[in-house]
Protein backbone atom coordinates (compact mmCIF):
# COMPACT_ATOMS: atom_id res chain seq x y z
CA MET A 1 -3.11 -29.57 -79.08
CA LYS A 2 -0.37 -28.24 -76.82
CA LYS A 3 2.34 -30.52 -75.53
CA THR A 4 1.80 -31.65 -71.93
CA THR A 5 4.12 -29.77 -69.57
CA ASN A 6 4.10 -32.54 -66.96
CA LEU A 7 3.11 -36.19 -67.36
CA LEU A 8 1.37 -36.25 -64.02
CA TRP A 9 -0.40 -32.93 -63.64
CA GLY A 10 0.51 -30.74 -66.65
CA GLY A 11 -2.87 -30.63 -68.36
CA ARG A 12 -3.89 -27.22 -67.01
CA PHE A 13 -0.43 -25.62 -67.31
CA ASN A 14 0.94 -23.70 -70.29
CA GLU A 15 4.51 -23.44 -69.08
CA LYS A 16 7.01 -25.94 -67.79
CA SER A 17 8.31 -25.74 -64.26
CA SER A 18 11.36 -23.55 -63.79
CA ASN A 19 14.62 -25.25 -63.01
CA LEU A 20 14.52 -23.77 -59.52
CA LEU A 21 11.03 -25.13 -58.90
CA LYS A 22 12.14 -28.55 -60.08
CA LYS A 23 15.15 -28.37 -57.78
CA ILE A 24 13.07 -27.62 -54.70
CA ASN A 25 10.06 -29.74 -55.72
CA ASP A 26 11.65 -33.02 -56.80
CA SER A 27 12.07 -35.61 -54.04
CA ILE A 28 13.41 -38.67 -55.84
CA GLU A 29 16.90 -38.02 -54.46
CA PHE A 30 15.69 -39.23 -51.07
CA ASP A 31 12.28 -40.89 -51.43
CA TYR A 32 13.76 -43.57 -53.69
CA LYS A 33 14.21 -45.39 -50.38
CA LEU A 34 10.47 -46.07 -50.47
CA ALA A 35 10.71 -48.01 -53.75
CA ASN A 36 9.95 -51.45 -52.31
CA GLU A 37 7.07 -50.08 -50.25
CA ASP A 38 5.64 -48.27 -53.28
CA ILE A 39 5.77 -51.43 -55.38
CA MET A 40 4.16 -53.43 -52.56
CA LEU A 41 1.43 -50.79 -52.32
CA ASN A 42 0.76 -50.80 -56.06
CA ARG A 43 0.59 -54.61 -56.20
CA SER A 44 -2.10 -54.61 -53.52
CA TYR A 45 -3.91 -51.65 -55.00
CA VAL A 46 -4.22 -53.12 -58.49
CA GLU A 47 -5.72 -56.23 -56.91
CA SER A 48 -8.36 -53.95 -55.37
CA LEU A 49 -8.92 -52.36 -58.76
CA TYR A 50 -9.40 -55.81 -60.29
CA LYS A 51 -11.87 -56.83 -57.57
CA ALA A 52 -13.75 -53.58 -58.18
CA ASN A 53 -14.01 -54.49 -61.91
CA LEU A 54 -11.79 -51.58 -62.87
CA LEU A 55 -9.19 -53.90 -64.37
CA SER A 56 -9.63 -57.07 -66.37
CA LEU A 57 -7.86 -60.20 -65.20
CA LYS A 58 -5.44 -59.89 -68.10
CA GLU A 59 -4.66 -56.26 -67.24
CA TYR A 60 -4.26 -57.11 -63.57
CA LYS A 61 -1.77 -59.89 -64.27
CA LYS A 62 0.16 -57.78 -66.76
CA ILE A 63 0.56 -54.95 -64.24
CA LYS A 64 1.65 -57.31 -61.45
CA ILE A 65 4.27 -58.93 -63.67
CA GLY A 66 5.55 -55.49 -64.65
CA LEU A 67 5.78 -54.38 -61.02
CA ASP A 68 7.63 -57.58 -60.09
CA GLN A 69 10.10 -56.95 -62.90
CA ILE A 70 10.73 -53.43 -61.63
CA LYS A 71 11.32 -54.77 -58.12
CA GLU A 72 13.84 -57.24 -59.50
CA ASP A 73 15.55 -54.49 -61.51
CA ILE A 74 15.92 -52.42 -58.34
CA LYS A 75 17.24 -55.40 -56.41
CA LYS A 76 19.90 -56.03 -59.07
CA GLY A 77 20.86 -52.36 -59.28
CA LYS A 78 19.63 -52.04 -62.86
CA PHE A 79 16.92 -49.46 -62.14
CA LYS A 80 17.72 -45.79 -62.76
CA PHE A 81 15.79 -43.32 -60.66
CA SER A 82 15.16 -40.16 -62.68
CA ASN A 83 14.65 -36.53 -61.63
CA ALA A 84 12.45 -36.16 -64.68
CA TYR A 85 9.61 -37.86 -62.76
CA GLU A 86 9.68 -35.90 -59.49
CA ASP A 87 9.23 -38.65 -56.93
CA ILE A 88 9.27 -42.38 -56.28
CA HIS A 89 5.60 -42.79 -57.21
CA MET A 90 6.02 -41.41 -60.71
CA ASN A 91 9.35 -43.17 -61.18
CA ILE A 92 7.64 -46.50 -60.56
CA GLU A 93 4.63 -45.64 -62.72
CA MET A 94 6.77 -44.41 -65.65
CA ALA A 95 9.02 -47.48 -65.40
CA LEU A 96 5.88 -49.58 -65.55
CA LYS A 97 4.71 -47.63 -68.59
CA LYS A 98 7.94 -48.47 -70.38
CA LYS A 99 7.27 -52.14 -69.74
CA ILE A 100 3.52 -52.43 -70.39
CA GLY A 101 2.50 -49.21 -72.14
CA LYS A 102 -0.33 -46.84 -71.27
CA LEU A 103 -2.04 -49.52 -69.18
CA ALA A 104 0.31 -48.35 -66.41
CA GLY A 105 -1.79 -45.18 -66.13
CA LYS A 106 -4.62 -47.22 -64.64
CA ILE A 107 -2.75 -47.94 -61.40
CA HIS A 108 -3.49 -44.41 -60.18
CA THR A 109 -7.25 -44.81 -60.57
CA GLY A 110 -8.92 -43.60 -57.37
CA LYS A 111 -5.73 -42.88 -55.47
CA SER A 112 -3.60 -39.82 -54.87
CA ARG A 113 0.04 -39.38 -54.08
CA ASN A 114 -1.25 -37.99 -50.78
CA ASP A 115 -2.63 -41.29 -49.49
CA GLN A 116 0.05 -43.21 -51.37
CA VAL A 117 3.02 -41.57 -49.68
CA ALA A 118 1.39 -41.75 -46.24
CA THR A 119 0.97 -45.49 -46.74
CA ASP A 120 4.48 -45.96 -48.12
CA ILE A 121 6.12 -44.30 -45.14
CA LYS A 122 3.95 -46.26 -42.71
CA LEU A 123 5.01 -49.50 -44.37
CA TRP A 124 8.65 -48.37 -44.22
CA ILE A 125 8.49 -47.46 -40.52
CA LYS A 126 6.73 -50.73 -39.70
CA SER A 127 9.64 -52.66 -41.20
CA LYS A 128 12.19 -50.50 -39.35
CA LEU A 129 10.43 -51.00 -36.03
CA GLY A 130 10.69 -54.78 -36.39
CA TYR A 131 14.40 -54.47 -37.07
CA LEU A 132 14.82 -52.02 -34.19
CA ILE A 133 13.23 -54.45 -31.74
CA PHE A 134 15.55 -57.20 -32.96
CA LYS A 135 18.64 -55.00 -32.47
CA ILE A 136 17.56 -53.86 -29.00
CA ASN A 137 17.14 -57.51 -28.03
CA LYS A 138 20.68 -58.14 -29.23
CA ILE A 139 22.05 -55.39 -26.99
CA GLN A 140 20.06 -56.73 -24.05
CA LYS A 141 21.61 -60.17 -24.55
CA THR A 142 25.07 -58.59 -24.51
CA ILE A 143 24.21 -56.79 -21.27
CA ILE A 144 23.07 -60.02 -19.63
CA LYS A 145 26.25 -61.81 -20.67
CA LYS A 146 28.41 -58.95 -19.37
CA ALA A 147 26.48 -58.87 -16.10
CA GLU A 148 26.85 -62.62 -15.59
CA ASN A 149 30.60 -62.40 -16.24
CA ASN A 150 30.95 -59.59 -13.69
CA LEU A 151 28.25 -60.62 -11.25
CA ASP A 152 29.96 -59.82 -7.94
CA VAL A 153 32.13 -56.87 -9.00
CA ILE A 154 31.55 -54.03 -6.53
CA MET A 155 31.65 -50.44 -7.76
CA PRO A 156 30.62 -47.07 -6.37
CA GLY A 157 27.08 -46.04 -7.16
CA PHE A 158 26.93 -42.33 -7.93
CA THR A 159 24.48 -39.52 -7.25
CA HIS A 160 25.43 -35.97 -8.21
CA SER A 161 28.58 -37.59 -9.70
CA GLN A 162 29.79 -38.37 -6.19
CA ASN A 163 30.21 -41.69 -4.41
CA ALA A 164 26.84 -42.50 -2.87
CA GLN A 165 26.41 -46.20 -2.02
CA PRO A 166 28.24 -49.32 -3.18
CA ILE A 167 26.51 -51.37 -5.85
CA LEU A 168 27.34 -54.30 -8.11
CA PHE A 169 28.57 -53.49 -11.60
CA SER A 170 26.11 -56.12 -12.83
CA HIS A 171 23.33 -54.12 -11.17
CA TYR A 172 24.51 -51.02 -13.02
CA LEU A 173 24.45 -52.85 -16.35
CA LEU A 174 20.95 -54.14 -15.74
CA SER A 175 19.74 -50.58 -15.20
CA PHE A 176 20.40 -50.05 -18.91
CA PHE A 177 18.69 -53.34 -19.71
CA GLU A 178 15.55 -51.79 -18.19
CA MET A 179 15.97 -48.56 -20.15
CA PHE A 180 16.24 -50.52 -23.39
CA GLU A 181 13.29 -52.65 -22.35
CA ARG A 182 11.18 -49.50 -22.16
CA ASP A 183 12.47 -48.48 -25.59
CA LYS A 184 11.47 -51.88 -26.91
CA ARG A 185 7.99 -51.57 -25.41
CA ARG A 186 7.61 -48.15 -27.03
CA ALA A 187 8.52 -49.70 -30.37
CA ILE A 188 5.97 -52.48 -29.89
CA GLN A 189 3.29 -49.94 -28.90
CA LEU A 190 4.06 -47.84 -31.96
CA LEU A 191 3.79 -50.92 -34.17
CA ASP A 192 0.27 -51.37 -32.83
CA GLY A 193 -0.59 -47.68 -33.11
CA ILE A 194 0.68 -47.42 -36.68
CA ASP A 195 -1.38 -50.38 -37.84
CA GLU A 196 -4.00 -48.41 -39.82
CA CYS A 197 -3.80 -48.08 -43.60
CA PRO A 198 -4.32 -44.63 -45.23
CA LEU A 199 -4.56 -46.01 -48.78
CA GLY A 200 -7.96 -45.43 -50.35
CA SER A 201 -8.34 -42.00 -48.75
CA GLY A 202 -7.58 -40.28 -52.04
CA ALA A 203 -6.35 -36.70 -51.99
CA LEU A 204 -8.36 -35.89 -48.84
CA ALA A 205 -12.04 -36.81 -49.30
CA GLY A 206 -11.96 -40.53 -50.12
CA THR A 207 -12.64 -42.17 -53.48
CA ASN A 208 -15.60 -41.31 -55.68
CA PHE A 209 -17.68 -44.13 -57.16
CA PHE A 210 -14.80 -46.61 -57.45
CA GLU A 211 -15.74 -49.47 -55.16
CA ILE A 212 -12.37 -49.93 -53.50
CA ASN A 213 -12.66 -52.22 -50.49
CA ARG A 214 -10.41 -50.42 -48.02
CA LYS A 215 -10.68 -53.15 -45.38
CA GLU A 216 -9.41 -55.83 -47.76
CA LEU A 217 -6.78 -53.42 -49.08
CA ALA A 218 -5.51 -52.72 -45.57
CA LYS A 219 -5.21 -56.41 -44.73
CA SER A 220 -3.43 -57.20 -47.99
CA LEU A 221 -0.74 -54.68 -46.98
CA GLY A 222 -0.41 -56.13 -43.49
CA PHE A 223 -2.43 -53.48 -41.65
CA ARG A 224 -5.04 -54.29 -39.03
CA LYS A 225 -7.63 -51.91 -40.47
CA PRO A 226 -8.06 -48.80 -42.66
CA THR A 227 -7.78 -45.33 -41.18
CA GLU A 228 -11.04 -43.76 -39.97
CA ASN A 229 -10.97 -40.32 -41.61
CA SER A 230 -9.69 -39.56 -45.10
CA LEU A 231 -8.82 -35.93 -44.34
CA ASP A 232 -6.74 -36.90 -41.32
CA SER A 233 -5.18 -39.82 -43.19
CA VAL A 234 -3.36 -37.76 -45.82
CA SER A 235 -1.88 -35.20 -43.41
CA ASN A 236 -1.24 -37.37 -40.35
CA ARG A 237 2.46 -37.59 -39.54
CA ASP A 238 2.05 -38.30 -35.83
CA PHE A 239 3.45 -41.77 -36.36
CA MET A 240 6.63 -40.28 -37.83
CA ILE A 241 6.97 -37.94 -34.87
CA GLU A 242 6.43 -40.87 -32.51
CA PHE A 243 9.07 -42.85 -34.40
CA LEU A 244 11.57 -40.01 -34.06
CA SER A 245 10.60 -39.57 -30.41
CA LEU A 246 11.30 -43.27 -29.83
CA LEU A 247 14.68 -42.98 -31.56
CA SER A 248 15.47 -39.84 -29.56
CA ILE A 249 14.79 -41.53 -26.22
CA LEU A 250 16.76 -44.62 -27.28
CA SER A 251 19.70 -42.47 -28.39
CA MET A 252 19.51 -40.58 -25.09
CA HIS A 253 19.96 -43.87 -23.26
CA PHE A 254 22.91 -44.66 -25.53
CA SER A 255 24.37 -41.24 -24.77
CA ARG A 256 24.06 -41.74 -21.00
CA LEU A 257 25.84 -45.08 -21.21
CA ALA A 258 28.54 -43.54 -23.39
CA GLU A 259 28.96 -40.66 -20.93
CA ASP A 260 29.51 -43.06 -18.03
CA PHE A 261 32.02 -45.10 -20.01
CA ILE A 262 33.89 -42.02 -21.22
CA ILE A 263 34.28 -40.64 -17.68
CA TRP A 264 35.17 -43.98 -16.17
CA SER A 265 37.79 -44.68 -18.83
CA SER A 266 39.62 -41.44 -18.00
CA SER A 267 42.91 -41.54 -16.11
CA ALA A 268 41.22 -39.95 -13.09
CA TYR A 269 38.85 -42.91 -12.71
CA ASP A 270 40.47 -45.80 -14.59
CA LEU A 271 37.45 -48.02 -13.91
CA LEU A 272 37.33 -49.45 -17.41
CA LYS A 273 39.27 -49.50 -20.66
CA PHE A 274 38.12 -49.50 -24.26
CA PRO A 275 39.84 -51.90 -26.64
CA ASP A 276 42.10 -50.41 -29.29
CA ASN A 277 39.56 -51.04 -32.06
CA LEU A 278 37.09 -48.62 -30.44
CA CYS A 279 39.62 -45.83 -29.87
CA THR A 280 41.73 -43.46 -31.92
CA GLY A 281 45.04 -41.72 -31.27
CA SER A 282 46.11 -38.11 -31.26
CA SER A 283 47.80 -36.39 -34.17
CA ILE A 284 50.27 -34.72 -31.80
CA MET A 285 50.29 -36.66 -28.49
CA PRO A 286 51.67 -40.18 -29.00
CA GLN A 287 50.41 -41.47 -25.66
CA LYS A 288 46.73 -40.68 -26.25
CA LYS A 289 44.03 -43.33 -26.61
CA ASN A 290 40.77 -41.49 -27.15
CA PRO A 291 37.31 -43.09 -26.68
CA ASP A 292 36.06 -41.67 -29.96
CA ALA A 293 33.42 -44.34 -30.57
CA ALA A 294 31.69 -43.52 -27.28
CA GLU A 295 32.08 -39.79 -27.83
CA LEU A 296 30.43 -40.02 -31.24
CA VAL A 297 27.59 -42.08 -29.77
CA ARG A 298 27.08 -39.23 -27.33
CA SER A 299 27.14 -36.53 -30.01
CA LYS A 300 24.94 -38.30 -32.56
CA CYS A 301 22.13 -38.28 -30.02
CA GLY A 302 21.82 -34.55 -30.77
CA ARG A 303 21.55 -35.27 -34.47
CA ILE A 304 18.54 -37.49 -33.85
CA TYR A 305 17.00 -34.86 -31.57
CA SER A 306 17.30 -32.33 -34.38
CA SER A 307 15.38 -34.65 -36.72
CA LEU A 308 12.52 -34.81 -34.22
CA LEU A 309 12.52 -31.04 -33.81
CA ASN A 310 12.67 -30.63 -37.59
CA LEU A 311 9.50 -32.63 -38.11
CA LEU A 312 7.67 -30.95 -35.22
CA ILE A 313 8.45 -27.55 -36.74
CA ILE A 314 7.21 -28.69 -40.17
CA GLN A 315 3.93 -29.86 -38.65
CA LYS A 316 3.17 -27.06 -36.22
CA GLY A 317 1.82 -24.51 -38.70
CA LEU A 318 0.13 -26.69 -41.30
CA PRO A 319 -3.57 -26.26 -42.12
CA SER A 320 -5.88 -29.25 -42.58
CA GLY A 321 -5.23 -31.54 -45.51
CA TYR A 322 -2.04 -32.24 -47.41
CA SER A 323 0.55 -29.50 -48.00
CA LYS A 324 3.81 -29.84 -49.92
CA ASP A 325 5.63 -29.01 -46.68
CA LEU A 326 5.12 -32.68 -45.88
CA GLN A 327 7.64 -33.62 -48.55
CA GLU A 328 10.23 -32.48 -45.99
CA ASP A 329 9.13 -35.16 -43.52
CA LYS A 330 11.18 -37.98 -44.99
CA GLU A 331 14.78 -36.78 -44.87
CA PRO A 332 14.91 -36.30 -41.08
CA VAL A 333 13.29 -39.70 -40.58
CA PHE A 334 15.67 -41.44 -42.99
CA ASP A 335 18.68 -39.71 -41.44
CA ALA A 336 17.65 -40.52 -37.87
CA ASN A 337 17.04 -44.16 -38.78
CA GLU A 338 20.46 -44.49 -40.45
CA THR A 339 22.06 -42.90 -37.40
CA ILE A 340 20.31 -45.18 -34.91
CA ASP A 341 21.25 -48.23 -37.01
CA LEU A 342 24.91 -47.32 -36.58
CA LEU A 343 24.50 -46.59 -32.87
CA LEU A 344 22.75 -49.90 -32.22
CA ASP A 345 25.76 -51.78 -33.56
CA ILE A 346 28.48 -49.66 -31.97
CA VAL A 347 26.81 -49.64 -28.54
CA ASN A 348 26.44 -53.41 -28.63
CA GLU A 349 30.13 -53.77 -29.48
CA MET A 350 31.12 -51.20 -26.86
CA ILE A 351 29.30 -53.04 -24.05
CA GLY A 352 30.64 -56.41 -25.12
CA LEU A 353 34.28 -55.41 -25.52
CA VAL A 354 34.91 -52.87 -22.74
CA ASN A 355 37.36 -54.17 -20.10
CA ILE A 356 36.50 -53.75 -16.42
CA ASN A 357 39.10 -52.77 -13.81
CA LYS A 358 37.62 -54.74 -10.91
CA GLU A 359 40.27 -53.76 -8.38
CA LYS A 360 39.94 -50.05 -9.10
CA MET A 361 36.16 -50.26 -8.91
CA TYR A 362 36.39 -51.93 -5.52
CA ASN A 363 38.91 -49.42 -4.17
CA LEU A 364 36.90 -46.44 -5.37
CA ALA A 365 33.75 -47.90 -3.82
CA ASN A 366 35.52 -47.73 -0.44
CA ILE A 367 36.00 -43.98 -0.66
CA GLY A 368 33.60 -41.37 0.64
CA PHE A 369 31.77 -42.88 3.66
CA VAL A 370 29.50 -44.84 1.33
CA THR A 371 28.12 -47.01 4.15
CA ALA A 372 26.82 -44.04 6.16
CA THR A 373 23.22 -44.90 5.25
CA ASP A 374 23.82 -48.44 6.54
CA LEU A 375 24.93 -46.93 9.86
CA ALA A 376 21.83 -44.75 10.05
CA ASP A 377 19.59 -47.71 9.24
CA TRP A 378 21.30 -49.80 11.96
CA LEU A 379 20.56 -47.06 14.50
CA VAL A 380 16.89 -47.10 13.52
CA MET A 381 16.73 -50.88 13.83
CA ASN A 382 18.63 -51.15 17.12
CA THR A 383 17.70 -48.03 19.07
CA ASN A 384 14.58 -45.94 19.58
CA LEU A 385 15.82 -43.25 17.21
CA THR A 386 13.68 -42.04 14.32
CA PHE A 387 15.41 -41.99 10.95
CA ARG A 388 15.74 -38.20 11.10
CA GLU A 389 17.48 -38.49 14.46
CA ALA A 390 19.66 -41.32 13.18
CA HIS A 391 20.49 -39.28 10.08
CA LEU A 392 21.63 -36.36 12.24
CA LYS A 393 23.81 -38.52 14.49
CA THR A 394 25.30 -40.37 11.52
CA GLY A 395 26.16 -37.04 9.94
CA LYS A 396 28.07 -36.09 13.08
CA ILE A 397 29.91 -39.43 13.01
CA VAL A 398 30.85 -38.84 9.36
CA LEU A 399 32.15 -35.37 10.28
CA MET A 400 34.24 -36.88 13.05
CA ALA A 401 35.64 -39.55 10.71
CA GLU A 402 36.45 -36.88 8.14
CA GLN A 403 38.31 -34.83 10.74
CA LYS A 404 40.23 -37.90 11.92
CA LYS A 405 40.86 -38.89 8.29
CA LYS A 406 39.49 -42.35 8.91
CA LYS A 407 36.90 -44.62 7.33
CA LEU A 408 33.73 -45.26 9.31
CA SER A 409 34.86 -48.82 9.91
CA ASP A 410 38.19 -47.56 11.33
CA LEU A 411 36.58 -45.48 14.09
CA SER A 412 36.70 -47.00 17.54
CA LEU A 413 33.59 -48.04 19.43
CA GLN A 414 34.45 -45.34 21.97
CA ASP A 415 34.44 -42.74 19.18
CA LEU A 416 31.02 -43.87 18.02
CA LYS A 417 29.55 -43.91 21.53
CA ARG A 418 30.48 -40.26 22.00
CA ILE A 419 27.82 -39.50 19.39
CA GLU A 420 25.33 -42.26 20.26
CA PRO A 421 25.85 -44.24 23.52
CA LYS A 422 23.56 -47.08 22.38
CA ILE A 423 25.87 -48.14 19.56
CA THR A 424 27.38 -51.60 20.13
CA LYS A 425 30.26 -53.43 18.51
CA ASP A 426 27.72 -55.18 16.29
CA ILE A 427 27.75 -52.05 14.13
CA PHE A 428 31.13 -53.04 12.68
CA ASN A 429 29.45 -56.00 10.96
CA PHE A 430 27.48 -53.51 8.86
CA LEU A 431 30.08 -50.97 7.75
CA SER A 432 31.87 -52.90 4.98
CA ILE A 433 30.89 -52.32 1.38
CA GLU A 434 30.41 -56.09 0.93
CA ARG A 435 27.85 -56.17 3.74
CA SER A 436 26.21 -53.01 2.45
CA VAL A 437 25.70 -54.60 -0.97
CA SER A 438 24.55 -57.98 0.35
CA ASN A 439 21.94 -56.33 2.60
CA LYS A 440 20.16 -54.65 -0.32
CA LYS A 441 17.75 -57.55 -0.79
CA SER A 442 14.63 -55.60 -1.62
CA TYR A 443 13.08 -56.47 -4.98
CA GLY A 444 15.24 -54.91 -7.68
CA GLY A 445 18.06 -54.18 -5.22
CA THR A 446 21.79 -54.56 -5.76
CA SER A 447 22.47 -57.65 -3.64
CA SER A 448 23.94 -60.59 -5.52
CA SER A 449 20.85 -62.69 -4.86
CA GLU A 450 18.56 -59.98 -6.27
CA VAL A 451 20.77 -59.38 -9.31
CA LYS A 452 20.68 -63.11 -10.08
CA GLU A 453 16.88 -62.98 -9.97
CA ALA A 454 16.91 -59.86 -12.13
CA ILE A 455 19.01 -61.69 -14.72
CA LYS A 456 16.49 -64.54 -14.75
CA ARG A 457 13.67 -62.06 -15.33
CA ALA A 458 15.69 -60.29 -18.01
CA LYS A 459 16.28 -63.52 -19.91
CA LYS A 460 12.52 -64.09 -20.05
CA LYS A 461 12.01 -60.65 -21.57
CA ILE A 462 14.16 -61.41 -24.59
């Protein structure tokens, strides 16, 4: 009888795999990260085999003890992952064989690597989502603390990168709280959507006459229910795409925050300063203090985007059922998760440690006729003008102030009456940036009273 060319599938082959095939086919160099999930899966699966009378109680216990020993070996760093066994599934099975003999071969009864890997990666993503939610909460707590410590700091609010209307810096910070809250909700929704177990689907058609109770199997692995269709189960990677989409949106929010901080820390703005431990120097210019941490947060967003695009491209041309192309699904997901882990920590530190230049923020908020909308609104409230008419007259007043090189509040009442005779001296009570901010009392507005309420609501969300 010929020697088996491969322990897993070599029965119908006469020749061994070429070295090049092994190089492109083997995945243990990256899917070793699924070791704990694969052991968890096998422990639950052998229980199902026992309940289906496919294992004796003695065999069942022996396999479980062997799997627990392997888990402990991995934890202690004693386990050696081997390229000789292609992937994490065979590495675990062959390690089990070394401990308990050929009995280890029974753990694959009724299952395929197709449903096994789909379940492993779902278990892995479920655990990462829980950690992600925890880390987002941590950032949100840092934002609340920073907002409370800078509650009444006035800064310019920008549109088109130009001074638009004065706002509170605490209001600005809470805008990112809301972005991260949406990210958190997406993570929670994905946790619910991912809660179906593929195991028991076999290669694509389900199991034969082995009476595997998929509902019990799903619950034993912490899933709400089994998947509905075995063919879809083995090829479905939507949940991985959704995970990468979530990480992409989260990293985009990080990048926007970093962009603001980078610009505002520049000499031209000088609205905030990064501490030394989040900056680097120049190799040639001794005076430089570069916001490298924030810049790398901004750039790594693109790295996560590329992981999402990578997986979408892998999926777009696949036929029904499992194809080996799907082996390429893990590396972009692992890389994106490692990247977001780093960003979660650095962004939290960046928000907590950045120093605010309150005086410069206030002075910059006074530039650029930022209370013009307040003037237009006053005209609507105190005359018979429509807003469009008030907008036009206010624009003319701004033009006059610009020509006179004065602030709106520095124009005389006589100047203002030339444009609109119904203006009274009461208007000067509404042209300061302090009054502009305090008047924004609509729900979610930038007034101090509304920001305080927003902080209360935010605290309840975490």
